[in-house]
PDB file of all heavy atoms in Angstrom:
ATOM      1  N   LEU A   1     -68.195 -47.181-132.647  1.00  0.00           N
ATOM      2  CA  LEU A   1     -69.618 -47.185-132.995  1.00  0.00           C
ATOM      3  C   LEU A   1     -69.849 -48.309-133.991  1.00  0.00           C
ATOM      4  O   LEU A   1     -69.086 -48.452-134.954  1.00  0.00           O
ATOM      5  CB  LEU A   1     -70.027 -45.855-133.639  1.00  0.00           C
ATOM      6  CG  LEU A   1     -69.937 -44.614-132.768  1.00  0.00           C
ATOM      7  CD1 LEU A   1     -70.209 -43.362-133.602  1.00  0.00           C
ATOM      8  CD2 LEU A   1     -70.896 -44.699-131.591  1.00  0.00           C
ATOM      9  N   THR A   2     -70.892 -49.097-133.770  1.00  0.00           N
ATOM     10  CA  THR A   2     -71.223 -50.209-134.666  1.00  0.00           C
ATOM     11  C   THR A   2     -72.690 -50.110-135.034  1.00  0.00           C
ATOM     12  O   THR A   2     -73.554 -50.099-134.146  1.00  0.00           O
ATOM     13  CB  THR A   2     -70.960 -51.563-133.973  1.00  0.00           C
ATOM     14  OG1 THR A   2     -69.608 -51.588-133.502  1.00  0.00           O
ATOM     15  CG2 THR A   2     -71.198 -52.709-134.934  1.00  0.00           C
ATOM     16  N   ALA A   3     -72.960 -50.036-136.345  1.00  0.00           N
ATOM     17  CA  ALA A   3     -74.332 -49.835-136.812  1.00  0.00           C
ATOM     18  C   ALA A   3     -74.740 -50.889-137.825  1.00  0.00           C
ATOM     19  O   ALA A   3     -73.928 -51.351-138.620  1.00  0.00           O
ATOM     20  CB  ALA A   3     -74.460 -48.456-137.462  1.00  0.00           C
ATOM     21  N   SER A   4     -76.022 -51.251-137.796  1.00  0.00           N
ATOM     22  CA  SER A   4     -76.546 -52.128-138.839  1.00  0.00           C
ATOM     23  C   SER A   4     -76.782 -51.273-140.089  1.00  0.00           C
ATOM     24  O   SER A   4     -76.829 -50.046-140.008  1.00  0.00           O
ATOM     25  CB  SER A   4     -77.824 -52.819-138.374  1.00  0.00           C
ATOM     26  OG  SER A   4     -78.856 -51.891-138.128  1.00  0.00           O
ATOM     27  N   PRO A   5     -76.917 -51.896-141.267  1.00  0.00           N
ATOM     28  CA  PRO A   5     -77.149 -51.136-142.494  1.00  0.00           C
ATOM     29  C   PRO A   5     -78.363 -50.206-142.350  1.00  0.00           C
ATOM     30  O   PRO A   5     -79.366 -50.567-141.744  1.00  0.00           O
ATOM     31  CB  PRO A   5     -77.417 -52.222-143.543  1.00  0.00           C
ATOM     32  CG  PRO A   5     -76.708 -53.430-143.003  1.00  0.00           C
ATOM     33  CD  PRO A   5     -76.852 -53.337-141.506  1.00  0.00           C
ATOM     34  N   GLY A   6     -78.222 -48.979-142.876  1.00  0.00           N
ATOM     35  CA  GLY A   6     -79.303 -48.007-142.802  1.00  0.00           C
ATOM     36  C   GLY A   6     -79.189 -47.048-141.630  1.00  0.00           C
ATOM     37  O   GLY A   6     -79.952 -46.087-141.519  1.00  0.00           O
ATOM     38  N   ILE A   7     -78.242 -47.293-140.731  1.00  0.00           N
ATOM     39  CA  ILE A   7     -78.034 -46.421-139.573  1.00  0.00           C
ATOM     40  C   ILE A   7     -76.695 -45.709-139.739  1.00  0.00           C
ATOM     41  O   ILE A   7     -75.673 -46.348-139.980  1.00  0.00           O
ATOM     42  CB  ILE A   7     -78.059 -47.233-138.262  1.00  0.00           C
ATOM     43  CG1 ILE A   7     -79.435 -47.867-138.065  1.00  0.00           C
ATOM     44  CG2 ILE A   7     -77.702 -46.343-137.073  1.00  0.00           C
ATOM     45  CD1 ILE A   7     -79.552 -48.740-136.840  1.00  0.00           C
ATOM     46  N   SER A   8     -76.709 -44.385-139.624  1.00  0.00           N
ATOM     47  CA  SER A   8     -75.469 -43.625-139.770  1.00  0.00           C
ATOM     48  C   SER A   8     -74.686 -43.638-138.459  1.00  0.00           C
ATOM     49  O   SER A   8     -75.261 -43.669-137.377  1.00  0.00           O
ATOM     50  CB  SER A   8     -75.771 -42.182-140.177  1.00  0.00           C
ATOM     51  OG  SER A   8     -76.444 -41.508-139.144  1.00  0.00           O
ATOM     52  N   ALA A   9     -73.360 -43.620-138.585  1.00  0.00           N
ATOM     53  CA  ALA A   9     -72.475 -43.591-137.422  1.00  0.00           C
ATOM     54  C   ALA A   9     -71.466 -42.465-137.622  1.00  0.00           C
ATOM     55  O   ALA A   9     -70.728 -42.456-138.607  1.00  0.00           O
ATOM     56  CB  ALA A   9     -71.759 -44.929-137.260  1.00  0.00           C
ATOM     57  N   GLN A  10     -71.432 -41.504-136.685  1.00  0.00           N
ATOM     58  CA  GLN A  10     -70.541 -40.354-136.794  1.00  0.00           C
ATOM     59  C   GLN A  10     -69.903 -40.046-135.451  1.00  0.00           C
ATOM     60  O   GLN A  10     -70.568 -40.092-134.420  1.00  0.00           O
ATOM     61  CB  GLN A  10     -71.317 -39.119-137.260  1.00  0.00           C
ATOM     62  CG  GLN A  10     -71.929 -39.255-138.639  1.00  0.00           C
ATOM     63  CD  GLN A  10     -72.776 -38.054-138.975  1.00  0.00           C
ATOM     64  OE1 GLN A  10     -73.686 -37.717-138.236  1.00  0.00           O
ATOM     65  NE2 GLN A  10     -72.457 -37.407-140.079  1.00  0.00           N
ATOM     66  N   GLY A  11     -68.626 -39.714-135.499  1.00  0.00           N
ATOM     67  CA  GLY A  11     -67.926 -39.327-134.284  1.00  0.00           C
ATOM     68  C   GLY A  11     -67.585 -40.502-133.404  1.00  0.00           C
ATOM     69  O   GLY A  11     -68.034 -40.568-132.269  1.00  0.00           O
ATOM     70  N   GLY A  12     -66.765 -41.412-133.903  1.00  0.00           N
ATOM     71  CA  GLY A  12     -66.358 -42.554-133.089  1.00  0.00           C
ATOM     72  C   GLY A  12     -65.758 -42.132-131.763  1.00  0.00           C
ATOM     73  O   GLY A  12     -65.991 -42.746-130.742  1.00  0.00           O
ATOM     74  N   GLY A  13     -64.998 -41.055-131.784  1.00  0.00           N
ATOM     75  CA  GLY A  13     -64.440 -40.508-130.549  1.00  0.00           C
ATOM     76  C   GLY A  13     -65.329 -39.442-129.950  1.00  0.00           C
ATOM     77  O   GLY A  13     -65.691 -39.490-128.780  1.00  0.00           O
ATOM     78  N   LEU A  14     -65.690 -38.450-130.787  1.00  0.00           N
ATOM     79  CA  LEU A  14     -66.446 -37.298-130.318  1.00  0.00           C
ATOM     80  C   LEU A  14     -67.409 -36.825-131.389  1.00  0.00           C
ATOM     81  O   LEU A  14     -67.030 -36.679-132.551  1.00  0.00           O
ATOM     82  CB  LEU A  14     -65.480 -36.160-129.947  1.00  0.00           C
ATOM     83  CG  LEU A  14     -66.033 -34.787-129.648  1.00  0.00           C
ATOM     84  CD1 LEU A  14     -66.951 -34.799-128.437  1.00  0.00           C
ATOM     85  CD2 LEU A  14     -64.886 -33.798-129.439  1.00  0.00           C
ATOM     86  N   PHE A  15     -68.646 -36.585-131.008  1.00  0.00           N
ATOM     87  CA  PHE A  15     -69.664 -35.989-131.879  1.00  0.00           C
ATOM     88  C   PHE A  15     -70.140 -34.718-131.196  1.00  0.00           C
ATOM     89  O   PHE A  15     -70.557 -34.752-130.034  1.00  0.00           O
ATOM     90  CB  PHE A  15     -70.856 -36.935-132.066  1.00  0.00           C
ATOM     91  CG  PHE A  15     -71.961 -36.354-132.908  1.00  0.00           C
ATOM     92  CD1 PHE A  15     -72.044 -36.657-134.258  1.00  0.00           C
ATOM     93  CD2 PHE A  15     -72.913 -35.514-132.360  1.00  0.00           C
ATOM     94  CE1 PHE A  15     -73.063 -36.124-135.043  1.00  0.00           C
ATOM     95  CE2 PHE A  15     -73.930 -34.971-133.134  1.00  0.00           C
ATOM     96  CZ  PHE A  15     -73.997 -35.281-134.475  1.00  0.00           C
ATOM     97  N   SER A  16     -70.057 -33.575-131.908  1.00  0.00           N
ATOM     98  CA  SER A  16     -70.495 -32.328-131.286  1.00  0.00           C
ATOM     99  C   SER A  16     -71.255 -31.441-132.263  1.00  0.00           C
ATOM    100  O   SER A  16     -70.816 -31.223-133.385  1.00  0.00           O
ATOM    101  CB  SER A  16     -69.303 -31.550-130.725  1.00  0.00           C
ATOM    102  OG  SER A  16     -69.767 -30.402-130.049  1.00  0.00           O
ATOM    103  N   LEU A  17     -72.372 -30.915-131.795  1.00  0.00           N
ATOM    104  CA  LEU A  17     -73.145 -29.937-132.551  1.00  0.00           C
ATOM    105  C   LEU A  17     -72.755 -28.511-132.154  1.00  0.00           C
ATOM    106  O   LEU A  17     -73.313 -27.551-132.674  1.00  0.00           O
ATOM    107  CB  LEU A  17     -74.637 -30.157-132.306  1.00  0.00           C
ATOM    108  CG  LEU A  17     -75.189 -31.502-132.772  1.00  0.00           C
ATOM    109  CD1 LEU A  17     -76.634 -31.668-132.339  1.00  0.00           C
ATOM    110  CD2 LEU A  17     -75.069 -31.629-134.285  1.00  0.00           C
ATOM    111  N   PHE A  18     -71.808 -28.370-131.219  1.00  0.00           N
ATOM    112  CA  PHE A  18     -71.386 -27.075-130.698  1.00  0.00           C
ATOM    113  C   PHE A  18     -69.865 -27.006-130.678  1.00  0.00           C
ATOM    114  O   PHE A  18     -69.193 -28.034-130.715  1.00  0.00           O
ATOM    115  CB  PHE A  18     -71.959 -26.877-129.282  1.00  0.00           C
ATOM    116  CG  PHE A  18     -73.454 -26.832-129.255  1.00  0.00           C
ATOM    117  CD1 PHE A  18     -74.195 -27.990-129.103  1.00  0.00           C
ATOM    118  CD2 PHE A  18     -74.128 -25.633-129.423  1.00  0.00           C
ATOM    119  CE1 PHE A  18     -75.578 -27.961-129.109  1.00  0.00           C
ATOM    120  CE2 PHE A  18     -75.512 -25.596-129.431  1.00  0.00           C
ATOM    121  CZ  PHE A  18     -76.241 -26.752-129.273  1.00  0.00           C
ATOM    122  N   PRO A  19     -69.285 -25.798-130.573  1.00  0.00           N
ATOM    123  CA  PRO A  19     -67.824 -25.680-130.550  1.00  0.00           C
ATOM    124  C   PRO A  19     -67.191 -26.455-129.387  1.00  0.00           C
ATOM    125  O   PRO A  19     -67.748 -26.518-128.292  1.00  0.00           O
ATOM    126  CB  PRO A  19     -67.595 -24.173-130.371  1.00  0.00           C
ATOM    127  CG  PRO A  19     -68.829 -23.528-130.903  1.00  0.00           C
ATOM    128  CD  PRO A  19     -69.949 -24.488-130.566  1.00  0.00           C
ATOM    129  N   VAL A  20     -66.030 -27.031-129.672  1.00  0.00           N
ATOM    130  CA  VAL A  20     -65.266 -27.783-128.684  1.00  0.00           C
ATOM    131  C   VAL A  20     -63.900 -27.114-128.549  1.00  0.00           C
ATOM    132  O   VAL A  20     -63.288 -26.738-129.547  1.00  0.00           O
ATOM    133  CB  VAL A  20     -65.077 -29.248-129.132  1.00  0.00           C
ATOM    134  CG1 VAL A  20     -64.175 -30.007-128.186  1.00  0.00           C
ATOM    135  CG2 VAL A  20     -66.430 -29.934-129.263  1.00  0.00           C
ATOM    136  N   THR A  21     -63.426 -26.965-127.311  1.00  0.00           N
ATOM    137  CA  THR A  21     -62.104 -26.406-127.065  1.00  0.00           C
ATOM    138  C   THR A  21     -61.171 -27.539-126.655  1.00  0.00           C
ATOM    139  O   THR A  21     -61.450 -28.250-125.688  1.00  0.00           O
ATOM    140  CB  THR A  21     -62.158 -25.343-125.943  1.00  0.00           C
ATOM    141  OG1 THR A  21     -63.082 -24.321-126.324  1.00  0.00           O
ATOM    142  CG2 THR A  21     -60.794 -24.736-125.711  1.00  0.00           C
ATOM    143  N   LEU A  22     -60.075 -27.692-127.410  1.00  0.00           N
ATOM    144  CA  LEU A  22     -59.092 -28.744-127.143  1.00  0.00           C
ATOM    145  C   LEU A  22     -57.762 -28.128-126.746  1.00  0.00           C
ATOM    146  O   LEU A  22     -57.235 -27.279-127.463  1.00  0.00           O
ATOM    147  CB  LEU A  22     -58.870 -29.603-128.387  1.00  0.00           C
ATOM    148  CG  LEU A  22     -60.072 -30.342-128.969  1.00  0.00           C
ATOM    149  CD1 LEU A  22     -59.709 -30.958-130.306  1.00  0.00           C
ATOM    150  CD2 LEU A  22     -60.555 -31.393-128.008  1.00  0.00           C
ATOM    151  N   THR A  23     -57.214 -28.559-125.613  1.00  0.00           N
ATOM    152  CA  THR A  23     -55.885 -28.144-125.175  1.00  0.00           C
ATOM    153  C   THR A  23     -55.106 -29.394-124.788  1.00  0.00           C
ATOM    154  O   THR A  23     -55.484 -30.092-123.837  1.00  0.00           O
ATOM    155  CB  THR A  23     -55.980 -27.188-123.954  1.00  0.00           C
ATOM    156  OG1 THR A  23     -56.806 -26.077-124.298  1.00  0.00           O
ATOM    157  CG2 THR A  23     -54.600 -26.703-123.547  1.00  0.00           C
ATOM    158  N   ASN A  24     -54.046 -29.689-125.556  1.00  0.00           N
ATOM    159  CA  ASN A  24     -53.213 -30.864-125.294  1.00  0.00           C
ATOM    160  C   ASN A  24     -54.045 -32.135-125.146  1.00  0.00           C
ATOM    161  O   ASN A  24     -53.784 -32.959-124.273  1.00  0.00           O
ATOM    162  CB  ASN A  24     -52.354 -30.668-124.036  1.00  0.00           C
ATOM    163  CG  ASN A  24     -51.407 -29.504-124.161  1.00  0.00           C
ATOM    164  OD1 ASN A  24     -50.845 -29.274-125.230  1.00  0.00           O
ATOM    165  ND2 ASN A  24     -51.238 -28.759-123.088  1.00  0.00           N
TER     166      ASN A  24
END
């Protein structure tokens, strides 16, 4: 993620507002 000043950047790989299930 690349942002100009004043813009927030979150979750370069994954951004989630809900539960995520990870297996291997």
